Amino acid sequence: MLKPLGDRIIIEVKEVEETTASGLVLTSASKEKSQTGEVIAVGEGRTLDNGTKSPISVTVGQTVMFEKYAGQEVKYEGHDYLIVREQDVVAIVE
């Protein structure tokens, strides 16, 4: 089990569709990396200057959108994950 530290969030990135709306199949070179994924784990939050913790505003199971080049890609137990800071999350998909 991965447990992120501080204000980090672990996201399982959703795969991008491999065909266009008109039915064209995209090659892997032309596919863009998805910017949405499901939150798998969250850290305890950022420590403020006064020593208190600022809790993370997303929860496990939510689908989020994140910045295009954010985070660190990791592979753990055969799965690919993205570890990002809370500030890299730009929206919650409802």
PDB file of N, CA and C in Angstrom:
ATOM      1  N   MET A   1       0.841  -1.189   0.000  1.00  0.00           N
ATOM      2  CA  MET A   1       0.000   0.000   0.000  1.00  0.00           C
ATOM      3  C   MET A   1       0.881   1.245   0.000  1.00  0.00           C
ATOM      4  N   LEU A   2       0.614   2.146  -0.906  1.00  0.00           N
ATOM      5  CA  LEU A   2       1.339   3.416  -0.964  1.00  0.00           C
ATOM      6  C   LEU A   2       0.654   4.443  -0.076  1.00  0.00           C
ATOM      7  N   LYS A   3       1.419   5.199   0.698  1.00  0.00           N
ATOM      8  CA  LYS A   3       0.877   6.272   1.523  1.00  0.00           C
ATOM      9  C   LYS A   3       1.689   7.532   1.230  1.00  0.00           C
ATOM     10  N   PRO A   4       1.054   8.521   0.617  1.00  0.00           N
ATOM     11  CA  PRO A   4       1.781   9.748   0.284  1.00  0.00           C
ATOM     12  C   PRO A   4       2.069  10.582   1.531  1.00  0.00           C
ATOM     13  N   LEU A   5       3.131  11.345   1.473  1.00  0.00           N
ATOM     14  CA  LEU A   5       3.517  12.201   2.586  1.00  0.00           C
ATOM     15  C   LEU A   5       3.075  13.640   2.330  1.00  0.00           C
ATOM     16  N   GLY A   6       2.842  14.374   3.408  1.00  0.00           N
ATOM     17  CA  GLY A   6       2.528  15.795   3.320  1.00  0.00           C
ATOM     18  C   GLY A   6       1.306  16.091   2.487  1.00  0.00           C
ATOM     19  N   ASP A   7       1.461  17.014   1.541  1.00  0.00           N
ATOM     20  CA  ASP A   7       0.329  17.450   0.715  1.00  0.00           C
ATOM     21  C   ASP A   7       0.292  16.725  -0.629  1.00  0.00           C
ATOM     22  N   ARG A   8       0.829  15.520  -0.672  1.00  0.00           N
ATOM     23  CA  ARG A   8       0.848  14.756  -1.923  1.00  0.00           C
ATOM     24  C   ARG A   8      -0.386  13.868  -2.057  1.00  0.00           C
ATOM     25  N   ILE A   9      -0.742  13.594  -3.310  1.00  0.00           N
ATOM     26  CA  ILE A   9      -1.920  12.800  -3.647  1.00  0.00           C
ATOM     27  C   ILE A   9      -1.488  11.764  -4.674  1.00  0.00           C
ATOM     28  N   ILE A  10      -1.934  10.522  -4.506  1.00  0.00           N
ATOM     29  CA  ILE A  10      -1.645   9.475  -5.483  1.00  0.00           C
ATOM     30  C   ILE A  10      -2.873   9.293  -6.362  1.00  0.00           C
ATOM     31  N   ILE A  11      -2.663   9.362  -7.676  1.00  0.00           N
ATOM     32  CA  ILE A  11      -3.748   9.306  -8.656  1.00  0.00           C
ATOM     33  C   ILE A  11      -3.494   8.152  -9.615  1.00  0.00           C
ATOM     34  N   GLU A  12      -4.545   7.395  -9.908  1.00  0.00           N
ATOM     35  CA  GLU A  12      -4.484   6.396 -10.973  1.00  0.00           C
ATOM     36  C   GLU A  12      -5.039   7.080 -12.216  1.00  0.00           C
ATOM     37  N   VAL A  13      -4.174   7.338 -13.181  1.00  0.00           N
ATOM     38  CA  VAL A  13      -4.537   8.112 -14.363  1.00  0.00           C
ATOM     39  C   VAL A  13      -5.440   7.291 -15.265  1.00  0.00           C
ATOM     40  N   LYS A  14      -6.516   7.921 -15.757  1.00  0.00           N
ATOM     41  CA  LYS A  14      -7.429   7.253 -16.680  1.00  0.00           C
ATOM     42  C   LYS A  14      -6.823   7.240 -18.068  1.00  0.00           C
ATOM     43  N   GLU A  15      -7.054   6.147 -18.786  1.00  0.00           N
ATOM     44  CA  GLU A  15      -6.547   6.010 -20.150  1.00  0.00           C
ATOM     45  C   GLU A  15      -7.303   6.931 -21.097  1.00  0.00           C
ATOM     46  N   VAL A  16      -6.581   7.481 -22.062  1.00  0.00           N
ATOM     47  CA  VAL A  16      -7.183   8.338 -23.083  1.00  0.00           C
ATOM     48  C   VAL A  16      -7.818   7.440 -24.138  1.00  0.00           C
ATOM     49  N   GLU A  17      -8.952   7.853 -24.678  1.00  0.00           N
ATOM     50  CA  GLU A  17      -9.601   7.096 -25.755  1.00  0.00           C
ATOM     51  C   GLU A  17      -8.637   6.930 -26.919  1.00  0.00           C
ATOM     52  N   GLU A  18      -8.680   5.779 -27.564  1.00  0.00           N
ATOM     53  CA  GLU A  18      -7.766   5.511 -28.664  1.00  0.00           C
ATOM     54  C   GLU A  18      -8.363   5.805 -30.031  1.00  0.00           C
ATOM     55  N   THR A  19      -9.643   6.219 -30.084  1.00  0.00           N
ATOM     56  CA  THR A  19     -10.250   6.587 -31.361  1.00  0.00           C
ATOM     57  C   THR A  19     -10.854   7.981 -31.229  1.00  0.00           C
ATOM     58  N   THR A  20     -10.873   8.698 -32.331  1.00  0.00           N
ATOM     59  CA  THR A  20     -11.470  10.024 -32.341  1.00  0.00           C
ATOM     60  C   THR A  20     -12.984   9.902 -32.471  1.00  0.00           C
ATOM     61  N   ALA A  21     -13.685  11.022 -32.342  1.00  0.00           N
ATOM     62  CA  ALA A  21     -15.139  11.031 -32.468  1.00  0.00           C
ATOM     63  C   ALA A  21     -15.583  10.551 -33.846  1.00  0.00           C
ATOM     64  N   SER A  22     -14.743  10.795 -34.857  1.00  0.00           N
ATOM     65  CA  SER A  22     -15.092  10.364 -36.214  1.00  0.00           C
ATOM     66  C   SER A  22     -14.674   8.924 -36.494  1.00  0.00           C
ATOM     67  N   GLY A  23     -14.069   8.243 -35.498  1.00  0.00           N
ATOM     68  CA  GLY A  23     -13.717   6.838 -35.663  1.00  0.00           C
ATOM     69  C   GLY A  23     -12.283   6.577 -36.063  1.00  0.00           C
ATOM     70  N   LEU A  24     -11.449   7.619 -36.159  1.00  0.00           N
ATOM     71  CA  LEU A  24     -10.047   7.421 -36.512  1.00  0.00           C
ATOM     72  C   LEU A  24      -9.286   6.843 -35.324  1.00  0.00           C
ATOM     73  N   VAL A  25      -8.441   5.866 -35.576  1.00  0.00           N
ATOM     74  CA  VAL A  25      -7.636   5.259 -34.517  1.00  0.00           C
ATOM     75  C   VAL A  25      -6.352   6.060 -34.385  1.00  0.00           C
ATOM     76  N   LEU A  26      -6.027   6.455 -33.140  1.00  0.00           N
ATOM     77  CA  LEU A  26      -4.813   7.226 -32.894  1.00  0.00           C
ATOM     78  C   LEU A  26      -3.664   6.297 -32.539  1.00  0.00           C
ATOM     79  N   THR A  27      -2.461   6.609 -33.047  1.00  0.00           N
ATOM     80  CA  THR A  27      -1.282   5.849 -32.666  1.00  0.00           C
ATOM     81  C   THR A  27      -0.827   6.306 -31.291  1.00  0.00           C
ATOM     82  N   SER A  28      -0.015   5.509 -30.628  1.00  0.00           N
ATOM     83  CA  SER A  28       0.425   5.868 -29.277  1.00  0.00           C
ATOM     84  C   SER A  28       1.253   7.151 -29.286  1.00  0.00           C
ATOM     85  N   ALA A  29       1.934   7.447 -30.387  1.00  0.00           N
ATOM     86  CA  ALA A  29       2.745   8.662 -30.472  1.00  0.00           C
ATOM     87  C   ALA A  29       1.872   9.910 -30.526  1.00  0.00           C
ATOM     88  N   SER A  30       0.668   9.804 -31.053  1.00  0.00           N
ATOM     89  CA  SER A  30      -0.180  10.987 -31.187  1.00  0.00           C
ATOM     90  C   SER A  30      -1.135  11.165 -30.013  1.00  0.00           C
ATOM     91  N   LYS A  31      -1.204  10.181 -29.133  1.00  0.00           N
ATOM     92  CA  LYS A  31      -2.107  10.293 -27.986  1.00  0.00           C
ATOM     93  C   LYS A  31      -1.511  11.227 -26.941  1.00  0.00           C
ATOM     94  N   GLU A  32      -2.362  12.053 -26.365  1.00  0.00           N
ATOM     95  CA  GLU A  32      -1.927  12.907 -25.282  1.00  0.00           C
ATOM     96  C   GLU A  32      -2.163  12.203 -23.961  1.00  0.00           C
ATOM     97  N   LYS A  33      -1.326  12.518 -23.001  1.00  0.00           N
ATOM     98  CA  LYS A  33      -1.478  11.967 -21.667  1.00  0.00           C
ATOM     99  C   LYS A  33      -2.759  12.535 -21.054  1.00  0.00           C
ATOM    100  N   SER A  34      -3.544  11.670 -20.438  1.00  0.00           N
ATOM    101  CA  SER A  34      -4.783  12.104 -19.805  1.00  0.00           C
ATOM    102  C   SER A  34      -4.475  13.022 -18.632  1.00  0.00           C
ATOM    103  N   GLN A  35      -5.360  13.967 -18.394  1.00  0.00           N
ATOM    104  CA  GLN A  35      -5.202  14.876 -17.272  1.00  0.00           C
ATOM    105  C   GLN A  35      -6.280  14.637 -16.224  1.00  0.00           C
ATOM    106  N   THR A  36      -6.906  13.461 -16.236  1.00  0.00           N
ATOM    107  CA  THR A  36      -7.877  13.104 -15.212  1.00  0.00           C
ATOM    108  C   THR A  36      -7.520  11.745 -14.637  1.00  0.00           C
ATOM    109  N   GLY A  37      -7.947  11.533 -13.397  1.00  0.00           N
ATOM    110  CA  GLY A  37      -7.690  10.260 -12.754  1.00  0.00           C
ATOM    111  C   GLY A  37      -8.426  10.148 -11.438  1.00  0.00           C
ATOM    112  N   GLU A  38      -8.381   8.942 -10.872  1.00  0.00           N
ATOM    113  CA  GLU A  38      -9.053   8.681  -9.603  1.00  0.00           C
ATOM    114  C   GLU A  38      -8.046   8.767  -8.461  1.00  0.00           C
ATOM    115  N   VAL A  39      -8.444   9.445  -7.386  1.00  0.00           N
ATOM    116  CA  VAL A  39      -7.596   9.583  -6.215  1.00  0.00           C
ATOM    117  C   VAL A  39      -7.541   8.238  -5.494  1.00  0.00           C
ATOM    118  N   ILE A  40      -6.348   7.715  -5.314  1.00  0.00           N
ATOM    119  CA  ILE A  40      -6.136   6.424  -4.663  1.00  0.00           C
ATOM    120  C   ILE A  40      -5.761   6.606  -3.195  1.00  0.00           C
ATOM    121  N   ALA A  41      -4.980   7.653  -2.884  1.00  0.00           N
ATOM    122  CA  ALA A  41      -4.553   7.910  -1.511  1.00  0.00           C
ATOM    123  C   ALA A  41      -4.187   9.381  -1.369  1.00  0.00           C
ATOM    124  N   VAL A  42      -4.336   9.917  -0.163  1.00  0.00           N
ATOM    125  CA  VAL A  42      -3.973  11.312   0.121  1.00  0.00           C
ATOM    126  C   VAL A  42      -3.089  11.357   1.362  1.00  0.00           C
ATOM    127  N   GLY A  43      -2.204  12.345   1.395  1.00  0.00           N
ATOM    128  CA  GLY A  43      -1.345  12.553   2.556  1.00  0.00           C
ATOM    129  C   GLY A  43      -2.112  13.256   3.672  1.00  0.00           C
ATOM    130  N   GLU A  44      -1.389  13.587   4.732  1.00  0.00           N
ATOM    131  CA  GLU A  44      -2.008  14.217   5.898  1.00  0.00           C
ATOM    132  C   GLU A  44      -2.269  15.707   5.699  1.00  0.00           C
ATOM    133  N   GLY A  45      -1.647  16.311   4.730  1.00  0.00           N
ATOM    134  CA  GLY A  45      -1.819  17.741   4.475  1.00  0.00           C
ATOM    135  C   GLY A  45      -0.513  18.488   4.648  1.00  0.00           C
ATOM    136  N   ARG A  46      -0.553  19.736   4.233  1.00  0.00           N
ATOM    137  CA  ARG A  46       0.640  20.584   4.301  1.00  0.00           C
ATOM    138  C   ARG A  46       0.803  21.147   5.706  1.00  0.00           C
ATOM    139  N   THR A  47       2.042  21.179   6.189  1.00  0.00           N
ATOM    140  CA  THR A  47       2.322  21.778   7.488  1.00  0.00           C
ATOM    141  C   THR A  47       2.534  23.270   7.296  1.00  0.00           C
ATOM    142  N   LEU A  48       1.729  24.068   7.991  1.00  0.00           N
ATOM    143  CA  LEU A  48       1.825  25.523   7.896  1.00  0.00           C
ATOM    144  C   LEU A  48       2.974  26.042   8.755  1.00  0.00           C
ATOM    145  N   ASP A  49       3.327  27.315   8.581  1.00  0.00           N
ATOM    146  CA  ASP A  49       4.433  27.918   9.334  1.00  0.00           C
ATOM    147  C   ASP A  49       4.218  27.854  10.842  1.00  0.00           C
ATOM    148  N   ASN A  50       2.960  27.882  11.287  1.00  0.00           N
ATOM    149  CA  ASN A  50       2.682  27.847  12.726  1.00  0.00           C
ATOM    150  C   ASN A  50       2.631  26.418  13.282  1.00  0.00           C
ATOM    151  N   GLY A  51       2.921  25.412  12.429  1.00  0.00           N
ATOM    152  CA  GLY A  51       2.985  24.030  12.873  1.00  0.00           C
ATOM    153  C   GLY A  51       1.700  23.234  12.728  1.00  0.00           C
ATOM    154  N   THR A  52       0.593  23.872  12.357  1.00  0.00           N
ATOM    155  CA  THR A  52      -0.664  23.146  12.182  1.00  0.00           C
ATOM    156  C   THR A  52      -0.724  22.543  10.782  1.00  0.00           C
ATOM    157  N   LYS A  53      -1.590  21.561  10.612  1.00  0.00           N
ATOM    158  CA  LYS A  53      -1.765  20.906   9.314  1.00  0.00           C
ATOM    159  C   LYS A  53      -2.950  21.513   8.572  1.00  0.00           C
ATOM    160  N   SER A  54      -2.764  21.751   7.286  1.00  0.00           N
ATOM    161  CA  SER A  54      -3.846  22.193   6.412  1.00  0.00           C
ATOM    162  C   SER A  54      -4.336  20.944   5.683  1.00  0.00           C
ATOM    163  N   PRO A  55      -5.563  20.471   5.982  1.00  0.00           N
ATOM    164  CA  PRO A  55      -6.021  19.216   5.383  1.00  0.00           C
ATOM    165  C   PRO A  55      -6.171  19.319   3.865  1.00  0.00           C
ATOM    166  N   ILE A  56      -6.047  18.176   3.193  1.00  0.00           N
ATOM    167  CA  ILE A  56      -6.178  18.116   1.739  1.00  0.00           C
ATOM    168  C   ILE A  56      -7.658  18.160   1.372  1.00  0.00           C
ATOM    169  N   SER A  57      -7.981  18.888   0.307  1.00  0.00           N
ATOM    170  CA  SER A  57      -9.382  19.141  -0.058  1.00  0.00           C
ATOM    171  C   SER A  57      -9.999  18.071  -0.949  1.00  0.00           C
ATOM    172  N   VAL A  58      -9.261  17.028  -1.312  1.00  0.00           N
ATOM    173  CA  VAL A  58      -9.828  15.923  -2.086  1.00  0.00           C
ATOM    174  C   VAL A  58      -9.809  14.664  -1.237  1.00  0.00           C
ATOM    175  N   THR A  59     -10.678  13.708  -1.580  1.00  0.00           N
ATOM    176  CA  THR A  59     -10.747  12.467  -0.827  1.00  0.00           C
ATOM    177  C   THR A  59     -10.562  11.276  -1.761  1.00  0.00           C
ATOM    178  N   VAL A  60     -10.238  10.156  -1.173  1.00  0.00           N
ATOM    179  CA  VAL A  60     -10.043   8.917  -1.927  1.00  0.00           C
ATOM    180  C   VAL A  60     -11.330   8.573  -2.664  1.00  0.00           C
ATOM    181  N   GLY A  61     -11.193   8.187  -3.930  1.00  0.00           N
ATOM    182  CA  GLY A  61     -12.331   7.804  -4.747  1.00  0.00           C
ATOM    183  C   GLY A  61     -12.838   8.899  -5.667  1.00  0.00           C
ATOM    184  N   GLN A  62     -12.460  10.153  -5.407  1.00  0.00           N
ATOM    185  CA  GLN A  62     -12.900  11.243  -6.278  1.00  0.00           C
ATOM    186  C   GLN A  62     -12.113  11.218  -7.588  1.00  0.00           C
ATOM    187  N   THR A  63     -12.741  11.709  -8.657  1.00  0.00           N
ATOM    188  CA  THR A  63     -12.066  11.888  -9.934  1.00  0.00           C
ATOM    189  C   THR A  63     -11.630  13.340 -10.012  1.00  0.00           C
ATOM    190  N   VAL A  64     -10.365  13.565 -10.329  1.00  0.00           N
ATOM    191  CA  VAL A  64      -9.815  14.917 -10.366  1.00  0.00           C
ATOM    192  C   VAL A  64      -9.137  15.186 -11.701  1.00  0.00           C
ATOM    193  N   MET A  65      -8.992  16.468 -12.005  1.00  0.00           N
ATOM    194  CA  MET A  65      -8.202  16.921 -13.149  1.00  0.00           C
ATOM    195  C   MET A  65      -6.954  17.575 -12.581  1.00  0.00           C
ATOM    196  N   PHE A  66      -5.816  17.359 -13.249  1.00  0.00           N
ATOM    197  CA  PHE A  66      -4.559  17.916 -12.763  1.00  0.00           C
ATOM    198  C   PHE A  66      -3.816  18.583 -13.906  1.00  0.00           C
ATOM    199  N   GLU A  67      -2.814  19.382 -13.554  1.00  0.00           N
ATOM    200  CA  GLU A  67      -2.037  20.106 -14.556  1.00  0.00           C
ATOM    201  C   GLU A  67      -1.309  19.134 -15.478  1.00  0.00           C
ATOM    202  N   LYS A  68      -1.081  19.574 -16.701  1.00  0.00           N
ATOM    203  CA  LYS A  68      -0.574  18.707 -17.762  1.00  0.00           C
ATOM    204  C   LYS A  68       0.754  18.029 -17.438  1.00  0.00           C
ATOM    205  N   TYR A  69       1.713  18.743 -16.927  1.00  0.00           N
ATOM    206  CA  TYR A  69       3.037  18.165 -16.678  1.00  0.00           C
ATOM    207  C   TYR A  69       3.315  18.000 -15.186  1.00  0.00           C
ATOM    208  N   ALA A  70       2.278  17.795 -14.414  1.00  0.00           N
ATOM    209  CA  ALA A  70       2.410  17.702 -12.967  1.00  0.00           C
ATOM    210  C   ALA A  70       2.864  16.324 -12.519  1.00  0.00           C
ATOM    211  N   GLY A  71       3.523  16.297 -11.395  1.00  0.00           N
ATOM    212  CA  GLY A  71       3.758  15.065 -10.674  1.00  0.00           C
ATOM    213  C   GLY A  71       4.881  14.169 -11.139  1.00  0.00           C
ATOM    214  N   GLN A  72       4.968  13.060 -10.434  1.00  0.00           N
ATOM    215  CA  GLN A  72       5.982  12.041 -10.657  1.00  0.00           C
ATOM    216  C   GLN A  72       5.297  10.721 -10.964  1.00  0.00           C
ATOM    217  N   GLU A  73       5.595  10.142 -12.111  1.00  0.00           N
ATOM    218  CA  GLU A  73       5.002   8.856 -12.477  1.00  0.00           C
ATOM    219  C   GLU A  73       5.761   7.746 -11.765  1.00  0.00           C
ATOM    220  N   VAL A  74       5.013   6.807 -11.161  1.00  0.00           N
ATOM    221  CA  VAL A  74       5.623   5.671 -10.476  1.00  0.00           C
ATOM    222  C   VAL A  74       4.885   4.398 -10.852  1.00  0.00           C
ATOM    223  N   LYS A  75       5.583   3.281 -10.752  1.00  0.00           N
ATOM    224  CA  LYS A  75       4.975   1.975 -10.991  1.00  0.00           C
ATOM    225  C   LYS A  75       5.098   1.204  -9.684  1.00  0.00           C
ATOM    226  N   TYR A  76       3.968   0.643  -9.203  1.00  0.00           N
ATOM    227  CA  TYR A  76       3.967  -0.093  -7.948  1.00  0.00           C
ATOM    228  C   TYR A  76       3.054  -1.295  -8.088  1.00  0.00           C
ATOM    229  N   GLU A  77       3.597  -2.467  -7.841  1.00  0.00           N
ATOM    230  CA  GLU A  77       2.858  -3.722  -7.929  1.00  0.00           C
ATOM    231  C   GLU A  77       2.090  -3.858  -9.249  1.00  0.00           C
ATOM    232  N   GLY A  78       2.750  -3.501 -10.349  1.00  0.00           N
ATOM    233  CA  GLY A  78       2.167  -3.670 -11.673  1.00  0.00           C
ATOM    234  C   GLY A  78       1.198  -2.588 -12.109  1.00  0.00           C
ATOM    235  N   HIS A  79       0.987  -1.557 -11.298  1.00  0.00           N
ATOM    236  CA  HIS A  79       0.077  -0.469 -11.650  1.00  0.00           C
ATOM    237  C   HIS A  79       0.868   0.830 -11.808  1.00  0.00           C
ATOM    238  N   ASP A  80       0.400   1.677 -12.727  1.00  0.00           N
ATOM    239  CA  ASP A  80       1.025   2.989 -12.931  1.00  0.00           C
ATOM    240  C   ASP A  80       0.238   4.049 -12.171  1.00  0.00           C
ATOM    241  N   TYR A  81       0.955   4.867 -11.415  1.00  0.00           N
ATOM    242  CA  TYR A  81       0.343   5.932 -10.630  1.00  0.00           C
ATOM    243  C   TYR A  81       1.061   7.248 -10.900  1.00  0.00           C
ATOM    244  N   LEU A  82       0.398   8.331 -10.512  1.00  0.00           N
ATOM    245  CA  LEU A  82       0.981   9.657 -10.583  1.00  0.00           C
ATOM    246  C   LEU A  82       0.899  10.256  -9.182  1.00  0.00           C
ATOM    247  N   ILE A  83       2.028  10.748  -8.677  1.00  0.00           N
ATOM    248  CA  ILE A  83       2.038  11.404  -7.372  1.00  0.00           C
ATOM    249  C   ILE A  83       2.173  12.898  -7.620  1.00  0.00           C
ATOM    250  N   VAL A  84       1.172  13.663  -7.164  1.00  0.00           N
ATOM    251  CA  VAL A  84       1.156  15.110  -7.372  1.00  0.00           C
ATOM    252  C   VAL A  84       0.981  15.830  -6.040  1.00  0.00           C
ATOM    253  N   ARG A  85       1.330  17.086  -6.022  1.00  0.00           N
ATOM    254  CA  ARG A  85       1.046  17.927  -4.855  1.00  0.00           C
ATOM    255  C   ARG A  85      -0.384  18.438  -4.985  1.00  0.00           C
ATOM    256  N   GLU A  86      -0.981  18.778  -3.872  1.00  0.00           N
ATOM    257  CA  GLU A  86      -2.368  19.261  -3.890  1.00  0.00           C
ATOM    258  C   GLU A  86      -2.525  20.459  -4.816  1.00  0.00           C
ATOM    259  N   GLN A  87      -1.537  21.330  -4.884  1.00  0.00           N
ATOM    260  CA  GLN A  87      -1.633  22.539  -5.716  1.00  0.00           C
ATOM    261  C   GLN A  87      -1.697  22.210  -7.213  1.00  0.00           C
ATOM    262  N   ASP A  88      -1.293  20.991  -7.618  1.00  0.00           N
ATOM    263  CA  ASP A  88      -1.336  20.582  -9.016  1.00  0.00           C
ATOM    264  C   ASP A  88      -2.719  20.094  -9.439  1.00  0.00           C
ATOM    265  N   VAL A  89      -3.604  19.831  -8.470  1.00  0.00           N
ATOM    266  CA  VAL A  89      -4.970  19.429  -8.774  1.00  0.00           C
ATOM    267  C   VAL A  89      -5.768  20.691  -9.060  1.00  0.00           C
ATOM    268  N   VAL A  90      -6.404  20.750 -10.239  1.00  0.00           N
ATOM    269  CA  VAL A  90      -7.096  21.971 -10.641  1.00  0.00           C
ATOM    270  C   VAL A  90      -8.619  21.878 -10.533  1.00  0.00           C
ATOM    271  N   ALA A  91      -9.181  20.642 -10.476  1.00  0.00           N
ATOM    272  CA  ALA A  91     -10.636  20.510 -10.404  1.00  0.00           C
ATOM    273  C   ALA A  91     -11.014  19.126  -9.920  1.00  0.00           C
ATOM    274  N   ILE A  92     -12.207  19.054  -9.327  1.00  0.00           N
ATOM    275  CA  ILE A  92     -12.820  17.784  -8.962  1.00  0.00           C
ATOM    276  C   ILE A  92     -13.947  17.548  -9.960  1.00  0.00           C
ATOM    277  N   VAL A  93     -13.987  16.367 -10.580  1.00  0.00           N
ATOM    278  CA  VAL A  93     -15.020  16.031 -11.565  1.00  0.00           C
ATOM    279  C   VAL A  93     -16.191  15.417 -10.821  1.00  0.00           C
ATOM    280  N   GLU A  94     -17.360  16.024 -10.955  1.00  0.00           N
ATOM    281  CA  GLU A  94     -18.550  15.517 -10.264  1.00  0.00           C
ATOM    282  C   GLU A  94     -19.545  14.959 -11.234  1.00  0.00           C
TER     283      GLU A  94
END
